[in-house]
Amino acid sequence: MADIIINAANVVAGSNGTKEAGTAGEAITAGQAVYRASATGKYMLADNDSATAEVRQPRGIALNGAAANQPLTIARPGSDITIGGTLTAGTDYYLSAVPGGICPRADILAGDYVCLLGLAKSTSVLALDIQYPGVAL
């Protein structure tokens, strides 16, 4: 398996849940997992194999694309989002080792930190439920 291939133009927030607005600290594409950097307050791409704990703890999923220092809106946990890619209904999805990426559990490798992003409610909708226990495989 591999990371979900996301068509950024098809990422849409559901009517439930919470959105949060801020500023991108780097180029971010809709559908990527992001964290908020404590030093700058800007959103950056999350990554499950980063040496920095903060980077491994996503805050949400980008709902729009943004260049560095441009406005970015994210979906927060408790939200349903049309992810813009094909999911397997009932499958759990995780933060990937590719910055901002989303992958199925089978793609989490030894040494990667586990971070659940959510569960697929259908082949297109992800119920966002971020859980980061701080445990590496």
C-alpha atoms as a PDB file:
ATOM      1  CA  MET A   1       0.000   0.000   0.000  1.00  0.00           C
ATOM      2  CA  ALA A   2       0.995   3.640  -0.164  1.00  0.00           C
ATOM      3  CA  ASP A   3      -0.121   7.090   0.908  1.00  0.00           C
ATOM      4  CA  ILE A   4      -3.565   8.133  -0.233  1.00  0.00           C
ATOM      5  CA  ILE A   5      -3.354  10.021  -3.507  1.00  0.00           C
ATOM      6  CA  ILE A   6      -5.310  13.179  -2.826  1.00  0.00           C
ATOM      7  CA  ASN A   7      -6.821  15.456  -5.447  1.00  0.00           C
ATOM      8  CA  ALA A   8      -6.546  18.770  -3.600  1.00  0.00           C
ATOM      9  CA  ALA A   9      -9.404  20.287  -5.611  1.00  0.00           C
ATOM     10  CA  ASN A  10     -11.764  17.679  -4.110  1.00  0.00           C
ATOM     11  CA  VAL A  11     -10.953  18.233  -0.410  1.00  0.00           C
ATOM     12  CA  VAL A  12     -14.114  19.543   1.274  1.00  0.00           C
ATOM     13  CA  ALA A  13     -15.007  20.138   4.913  1.00  0.00           C
ATOM     14  CA  GLY A  14     -18.122  18.439   6.242  1.00  0.00           C
ATOM     15  CA  SER A  15     -20.893  20.427   7.895  1.00  0.00           C
ATOM     16  CA  ASN A  16     -19.901  19.092  11.323  1.00  0.00           C
ATOM     17  CA  GLY A  17     -16.783  19.725  13.325  1.00  0.00           C
ATOM     18  CA  THR A  18     -14.472  22.648  13.753  1.00  0.00           C
ATOM     19  CA  LYS A  19     -12.299  24.662  11.402  1.00  0.00           C
ATOM     20  CA  GLU A  20      -9.308  26.723  12.436  1.00  0.00           C
ATOM     21  CA  ALA A  21      -7.656  29.519  10.477  1.00  0.00           C
ATOM     22  CA  GLY A  22      -4.001  30.458  10.554  1.00  0.00           C
ATOM     23  CA  THR A  23      -0.926  30.980   8.404  1.00  0.00           C
ATOM     24  CA  ALA A  24       1.097  28.428   6.457  1.00  0.00           C
ATOM     25  CA  GLY A  25       4.790  28.299   7.331  1.00  0.00           C
ATOM     26  CA  GLU A  26       5.635  26.445   4.113  1.00  0.00           C
ATOM     27  CA  ALA A  27       3.848  25.358   0.938  1.00  0.00           C
ATOM     28  CA  ILE A  28       0.883  23.189   1.969  1.00  0.00           C
ATOM     29  CA  THR A  29      -1.632  21.394  -0.232  1.00  0.00           C
ATOM     30  CA  ALA A  30      -5.274  20.733   0.670  1.00  0.00           C
ATOM     31  CA  GLY A  31      -5.585  17.291   2.256  1.00  0.00           C
ATOM     32  CA  GLN A  32      -2.204  17.293   3.990  1.00  0.00           C
ATOM     33  CA  ALA A  33      -1.781  16.758   7.739  1.00  0.00           C
ATOM     34  CA  VAL A  34      -0.335  19.779   9.532  1.00  0.00           C
ATOM     35  CA  TYR A  35       0.928  20.774  12.981  1.00  0.00           C
ATOM     36  CA  ARG A  36       1.313  24.267  14.406  1.00  0.00           C
ATOM     37  CA  ALA A  37       4.939  25.195  15.097  1.00  0.00           C
ATOM     38  CA  SER A  38       5.286  26.539  18.631  1.00  0.00           C
ATOM     39  CA  ALA A  39       8.120  28.899  17.651  1.00  0.00           C
ATOM     40  CA  THR A  40       6.178  30.677  14.880  1.00  0.00           C
ATOM     41  CA  GLY A  41       2.517  29.743  15.352  1.00  0.00           C
ATOM     42  CA  LYS A  42       2.427  28.774  11.671  1.00  0.00           C
ATOM     43  CA  TYR A  43       1.161  25.512  10.194  1.00  0.00           C
ATOM     44  CA  MET A  44       3.771  23.089   8.902  1.00  0.00           C
ATOM     45  CA  LEU A  45       3.608  19.580   7.407  1.00  0.00           C
ATOM     46  CA  ALA A  46       3.407  16.833  10.039  1.00  0.00           C
ATOM     47  CA  ASP A  47       5.643  13.755   9.678  1.00  0.00           C
ATOM     48  CA  ASN A  48       5.575  10.484  11.676  1.00  0.00           C
ATOM     49  CA  ASP A  49       9.321   9.834  11.561  1.00  0.00           C
ATOM     50  CA  SER A  50      10.576  13.296  12.474  1.00  0.00           C
ATOM     51  CA  ALA A  51      13.160  13.538  15.261  1.00  0.00           C
ATOM     52  CA  THR A  52      11.108  16.429  16.687  1.00  0.00           C
ATOM     53  CA  ALA A  53       8.081  15.386  18.764  1.00  0.00           C
ATOM     54  CA  GLU A  54       6.074  18.490  17.834  1.00  0.00           C
ATOM     55  CA  VAL A  55       6.251  17.581  14.125  1.00  0.00           C
ATOM     56  CA  ARG A  56       4.757  14.136  14.819  1.00  0.00           C
ATOM     57  CA  GLN A  57       1.595  15.588  16.415  1.00  0.00           C
ATOM     58  CA  PRO A  58      -0.766  16.934  13.747  1.00  0.00           C
ATOM     59  CA  ARG A  59      -3.357  19.543  14.637  1.00  0.00           C
ATOM     60  CA  GLY A  60      -5.594  18.902  11.627  1.00  0.00           C
ATOM     61  CA  ILE A  61      -5.944  18.490   7.871  1.00  0.00           C
ATOM     62  CA  ALA A  62      -5.494  21.412   5.459  1.00  0.00           C
ATOM     63  CA  LEU A  63      -8.724  22.388   3.693  1.00  0.00           C
ATOM     64  CA  ASN A  64      -7.053  24.661   1.148  1.00  0.00           C
ATOM     65  CA  GLY A  65      -3.646  25.047  -0.410  1.00  0.00           C
ATOM     66  CA  ALA A  66      -1.359  27.861   0.670  1.00  0.00           C
ATOM     67  CA  ALA A  67       2.135  29.127  -0.042  1.00  0.00           C
ATOM     68  CA  ALA A  68       4.384  30.080   2.869  1.00  0.00           C
ATOM     69  CA  ASN A  69       3.019  33.032   4.862  1.00  0.00           C
ATOM     70  CA  GLN A  70      -0.427  32.771   3.257  1.00  0.00           C
ATOM     71  CA  PRO A  71      -3.790  32.027   4.962  1.00  0.00           C
ATOM     72  CA  LEU A  72      -4.624  28.384   5.672  1.00  0.00           C
ATOM     73  CA  THR A  73      -7.766  26.785   7.107  1.00  0.00           C
ATOM     74  CA  ILE A  74      -7.657  23.339   8.686  1.00  0.00           C
ATOM     75  CA  ALA A  75     -10.241  20.795   9.804  1.00  0.00           C
ATOM     76  CA  ARG A  76      -9.867  19.891  13.483  1.00  0.00           C
ATOM     77  CA  PRO A  77     -10.659  16.568  15.181  1.00  0.00           C
ATOM     78  CA  GLY A  78     -14.369  15.794  15.309  1.00  0.00           C
ATOM     79  CA  SER A  79     -14.804  16.898  11.706  1.00  0.00           C
ATOM     80  CA  ASP A  80     -15.778  14.769   8.738  1.00  0.00           C
ATOM     81  CA  ILE A  81     -13.912  15.700   5.567  1.00  0.00           C
ATOM     82  CA  THR A  82     -14.154  14.570   1.993  1.00  0.00           C
ATOM     83  CA  ILE A  83     -10.463  13.822   1.632  1.00  0.00           C
ATOM     84  CA  GLY A  84     -10.198  14.041  -2.154  1.00  0.00           C
ATOM     85  CA  GLY A  85      -8.847  10.500  -2.492  1.00  0.00           C
ATOM     86  CA  THR A  86     -10.082   6.930  -2.371  1.00  0.00           C
ATOM     87  CA  LEU A  87     -10.412   5.364   1.071  1.00  0.00           C
ATOM     88  CA  THR A  88     -11.480   1.900   2.202  1.00  0.00           C
ATOM     89  CA  ALA A  89     -14.616   2.281   4.324  1.00  0.00           C
ATOM     90  CA  GLY A  90     -14.043   1.188   7.923  1.00  0.00           C
ATOM     91  CA  THR A  91     -10.250   1.447   7.651  1.00  0.00           C
ATOM     92  CA  ASP A  92      -8.131   3.474  10.055  1.00  0.00           C
ATOM     93  CA  TYR A  93      -5.733   6.020   8.538  1.00  0.00           C
ATOM     94  CA  TYR A  94      -2.503   7.367   9.997  1.00  0.00           C
ATOM     95  CA  LEU A  95       0.082  10.107   9.636  1.00  0.00           C
ATOM     96  CA  SER A  96       2.674   8.977   7.098  1.00  0.00           C
ATOM     97  CA  ALA A  97       6.465   9.230   6.989  1.00  0.00           C
ATOM     98  CA  VAL A  98       5.987  11.458   3.931  1.00  0.00           C
ATOM     99  CA  PRO A  99       5.508  15.019   5.250  1.00  0.00           C
ATOM    100  CA  GLY A 100       1.775  15.769   5.307  1.00  0.00           C
ATOM    101  CA  GLY A 101       0.898  12.302   4.010  1.00  0.00           C
ATOM    102  CA  ILE A 102      -1.936  10.009   5.068  1.00  0.00           C
ATOM    103  CA  CYS A 103      -1.556   6.233   4.942  1.00  0.00           C
ATOM    104  CA  PRO A 104      -3.205   3.004   6.118  1.00  0.00           C
ATOM    105  CA  ARG A 105      -1.877   1.242   9.226  1.00  0.00           C
ATOM    106  CA  ALA A 106       0.069  -1.300   7.137  1.00  0.00           C
ATOM    107  CA  ASP A 107       2.422   1.470   5.979  1.00  0.00           C
ATOM    108  CA  ILE A 108       3.619   2.398   9.475  1.00  0.00           C
ATOM    109  CA  LEU A 109       7.110   0.898   9.745  1.00  0.00           C
ATOM    110  CA  ALA A 110       9.476   0.044  12.585  1.00  0.00           C
ATOM    111  CA  GLY A 111      10.816   3.280  14.065  1.00  0.00           C
ATOM    112  CA  ASP A 112       7.828   5.348  12.891  1.00  0.00           C
ATOM    113  CA  TYR A 113       5.656   7.045  15.508  1.00  0.00           C
ATOM    114  CA  VAL A 114       2.001   6.029  15.464  1.00  0.00           C
ATOM    115  CA  CYS A 115      -0.539   8.820  14.984  1.00  0.00           C
ATOM    116  CA  LEU A 116      -4.117   7.925  14.117  1.00  0.00           C
ATOM    117  CA  LEU A 117      -5.733  10.587  11.946  1.00  0.00           C
ATOM    118  CA  GLY A 118      -9.171   9.030  11.649  1.00  0.00           C
ATOM    119  CA  LEU A 119     -11.498   6.358  10.334  1.00  0.00           C
ATOM    120  CA  ALA A 120     -13.004   6.127   6.859  1.00  0.00           C
ATOM    121  CA  LYS A 121     -16.793   6.509   7.050  1.00  0.00           C
ATOM    122  CA  SER A 122     -17.041   5.761   3.338  1.00  0.00           C
ATOM    123  CA  THR A 123     -14.761   5.541   0.313  1.00  0.00           C
ATOM    124  CA  SER A 124     -14.386   9.332   0.347  1.00  0.00           C
ATOM    125  CA  VAL A 125     -15.113  10.653   3.866  1.00  0.00           C
ATOM    126  CA  LEU A 126     -12.604  10.581   6.735  1.00  0.00           C
ATOM    127  CA  ALA A 127     -13.893  11.075  10.293  1.00  0.00           C
ATOM    128  CA  LEU A 128     -11.032  13.043  11.828  1.00  0.00           C
ATOM    129  CA  ASP A 129     -10.036  11.723  15.278  1.00  0.00           C
ATOM    130  CA  ILE A 130      -6.363  12.512  15.878  1.00  0.00           C
ATOM    131  CA  GLN A 131      -4.700  10.364  18.528  1.00  0.00           C
ATOM    132  CA  TYR A 132      -0.972  10.547  19.233  1.00  0.00           C
ATOM    133  CA  PRO A 133       0.228   8.222  22.020  1.00  0.00           C
ATOM    134  CA  GLY A 134       3.921   9.120  21.529  1.00  0.00           C
ATOM    135  CA  VAL A 135       4.850   5.513  20.756  1.00  0.00           C
ATOM    136  CA  ALA A 136       7.238   4.374  18.010  1.00  0.00           C
ATOM    137  CA  LEU A 137       6.926   0.912  16.494  1.00  0.00           C
END
